[in-house]
């Protein structure tokens, strides 16, 4: 029983130290610049030509799906295929 009492004192001291620590932490929020796509295609054919010119296997990409994805957010399109205009 005496040993259990010592352990409780150690825990109490540790908890006291934790409770005395500053309660609020400042949060630093960094402003992240929005990505802006610098490559633009006007037609699906130009987009398909850019895919052909990139050297990527045409069977590896669904041009229609990729074009729809590009059309959904032209400025936010990440150009993960590294396509050129």
C-alpha atoms as a PDB file:
ATOM      1  CA  UNK A   1       0.000   0.000   0.000  1.00  0.00           C
ATOM      2  CA  UNK A   2       2.860   2.374   0.748  1.00  0.00           C
ATOM      3  CA  UNK A   3       4.290   1.911  -2.713  1.00  0.00           C
ATOM      4  CA  UNK A   4       0.993   2.744  -4.373  1.00  0.00           C
ATOM      5  CA  UNK A   5       0.829   5.983  -2.405  1.00  0.00           C
ATOM      6  CA  UNK A   6       4.308   7.025  -3.646  1.00  0.00           C
ATOM      7  CA  UNK A   7       3.284   6.366  -7.214  1.00  0.00           C
ATOM      8  CA  UNK A   8       0.240   8.578  -6.818  1.00  0.00           C
ATOM      9  CA  UNK A   9       2.408  11.455  -5.583  1.00  0.00           C
ATOM     10  CA  UNK A  10       4.650  11.142  -8.650  1.00  0.00           C
ATOM     11  CA  UNK A  11       1.607  11.175 -10.894  1.00  0.00           C
ATOM     12  CA  UNK A  12       0.185  14.180  -9.025  1.00  0.00           C
ATOM     13  CA  UNK A  13       3.429  16.116  -9.484  1.00  0.00           C
ATOM     14  CA  UNK A  14       3.506  15.269 -13.191  1.00  0.00           C
ATOM     15  CA  UNK A  15      -0.118  16.313 -13.613  1.00  0.00           C
ATOM     16  CA  UNK A  16       0.602  19.534 -11.722  1.00  0.00           C
ATOM     17  CA  UNK A  17       3.408  20.317 -14.159  1.00  0.00           C
ATOM     18  CA  UNK A  18       1.120  19.631 -17.092  1.00  0.00           C
ATOM     19  CA  UNK A  19      -1.630  21.815 -15.670  1.00  0.00           C
ATOM     20  CA  UNK A  20       0.773  24.704 -15.077  1.00  0.00           C
ATOM     21  CA  UNK A  21       1.898  24.622 -18.712  1.00  0.00           C
ATOM     22  CA  UNK A  22       0.421  27.291 -21.008  1.00  0.00           C
ATOM     23  CA  UNK A  23      -3.080  26.287 -21.979  1.00  0.00           C
ATOM     24  CA  UNK A  24      -3.311  28.051 -25.303  1.00  0.00           C
ATOM     25  CA  UNK A  25      -1.102  27.375 -28.257  1.00  0.00           C
ATOM     26  CA  UNK A  26      -0.739  29.938 -30.984  1.00  0.00           C
ATOM     27  CA  UNK A  27      -1.613  28.576 -34.358  1.00  0.00           C
ATOM     28  CA  UNK A  28       0.375  29.785 -37.284  1.00  0.00           C
ATOM     29  CA  UNK A  29      -1.595  29.712 -40.487  1.00  0.00           C
ATOM     30  CA  UNK A  30       0.314  30.023 -43.698  1.00  0.00           C
ATOM     31  CA  UNK A  31      -1.473  31.318 -46.720  1.00  0.00           C
ATOM     32  CA  UNK A  32      -1.062  28.900 -49.568  1.00  0.00           C
ATOM     33  CA  UNK A  33      -1.088  30.365 -53.018  1.00  0.00           C
ATOM     34  CA  UNK A  34      -3.756  28.765 -55.155  1.00  0.00           C
ATOM     35  CA  UNK A  35      -2.325  26.720 -57.995  1.00  0.00           C
ATOM     36  CA  UNK A  36      -3.051  28.257 -61.370  1.00  0.00           C
ATOM     37  CA  UNK A  37      -2.700  26.153 -64.483  1.00  0.00           C
ATOM     38  CA  UNK A  38      -0.596  27.954 -67.080  1.00  0.00           C
ATOM     39  CA  UNK A  39      -1.394  25.624 -69.958  1.00  0.00           C
ATOM     40  CA  UNK A  40      -4.709  25.894 -71.777  1.00  0.00           C
ATOM     41  CA  UNK A  41      -6.329  23.991 -74.608  1.00  0.00           C
ATOM     42  CA  UNK A  42      -9.363  25.209 -76.506  1.00  0.00           C
ATOM     43  CA  UNK A  43     -10.449  21.928 -78.076  1.00  0.00           C
ATOM     44  CA  UNK A  44     -10.357  18.268 -77.228  1.00  0.00           C
ATOM     45  CA  UNK A  45      -8.306  17.704 -80.385  1.00  0.00           C
ATOM     46  CA  UNK A  46      -5.608  20.125 -79.187  1.00  0.00           C
ATOM     47  CA  UNK A  47      -5.636  18.380 -75.829  1.00  0.00           C
ATOM     48  CA  UNK A  48      -5.297  14.963 -77.511  1.00  0.00           C
ATOM     49  CA  UNK A  49      -2.444  16.324 -79.664  1.00  0.00           C
ATOM     50  CA  UNK A  50      -0.663  17.493 -76.496  1.00  0.00           C
ATOM     51  CA  UNK A  51      -1.007  13.986 -75.072  1.00  0.00           C
ATOM     52  CA  UNK A  52       0.385  12.490 -78.299  1.00  0.00           C
ATOM     53  CA  UNK A  53       3.294  14.961 -78.304  1.00  0.00           C
ATOM     54  CA  UNK A  54       4.158  14.114 -74.692  1.00  0.00           C
ATOM     55  CA  UNK A  55       5.187  10.585 -75.651  1.00  0.00           C
ATOM     56  CA  UNK A  56       2.741   8.968 -73.218  1.00  0.00           C
ATOM     57  CA  UNK A  57       1.245   5.730 -74.478  1.00  0.00           C
ATOM     58  CA  UNK A  58      -2.209   6.737 -75.825  1.00  0.00           C
ATOM     59  CA  UNK A  59      -3.693   3.484 -74.509  1.00  0.00           C
ATOM     60  CA  UNK A  60      -2.668   4.469 -70.968  1.00  0.00           C
ATOM     61  CA  UNK A  61      -4.915   7.547 -70.893  1.00  0.00           C
ATOM     62  CA  UNK A  62      -8.630   7.935 -71.381  1.00  0.00           C
ATOM     63  CA  UNK A  63      -8.597  11.208 -73.337  1.00  0.00           C
ATOM     64  CA  UNK A  64     -12.334  11.809 -72.857  1.00  0.00           C
ATOM     65  CA  UNK A  65     -12.135  11.439 -69.070  1.00  0.00           C
ATOM     66  CA  UNK A  66      -9.012  13.565 -68.843  1.00  0.00           C
ATOM     67  CA  UNK A  67     -10.600  16.260 -71.050  1.00  0.00           C
ATOM     68  CA  UNK A  68     -13.741  16.279 -68.853  1.00  0.00           C
ATOM     69  CA  UNK A  69     -11.538  16.569 -65.778  1.00  0.00           C
ATOM     70  CA  UNK A  70      -9.677  19.496 -67.382  1.00  0.00           C
ATOM     71  CA  UNK A  71     -12.965  21.173 -68.374  1.00  0.00           C
ATOM     72  CA  UNK A  72     -14.336  20.923 -64.820  1.00  0.00           C
ATOM     73  CA  UNK A  73     -11.672  23.348 -63.508  1.00  0.00           C
ATOM     74  CA  UNK A  74      -9.370  24.790 -66.154  1.00  0.00           C
ATOM     75  CA  UNK A  75      -7.440  27.035 -63.759  1.00  0.00           C
ATOM     76  CA  UNK A  76      -7.099  24.375 -61.079  1.00  0.00           C
ATOM     77  CA  UNK A  77      -6.075  21.548 -63.427  1.00  0.00           C
ATOM     78  CA  UNK A  78      -2.757  20.246 -62.029  1.00  0.00           C
ATOM     79  CA  UNK A  79      -1.404  19.040 -65.385  1.00  0.00           C
ATOM     80  CA  UNK A  80      -0.068  15.861 -63.772  1.00  0.00           C
ATOM     81  CA  UNK A  81       0.711  14.526 -67.246  1.00  0.00           C
ATOM     82  CA  UNK A  82       3.191  17.397 -67.824  1.00  0.00           C
ATOM     83  CA  UNK A  83       1.515  18.338 -71.107  1.00  0.00           C
ATOM     84  CA  UNK A  84       2.710  21.240 -73.216  1.00  0.00           C
ATOM     85  CA  UNK A  85       0.566  23.604 -75.299  1.00  0.00           C
END
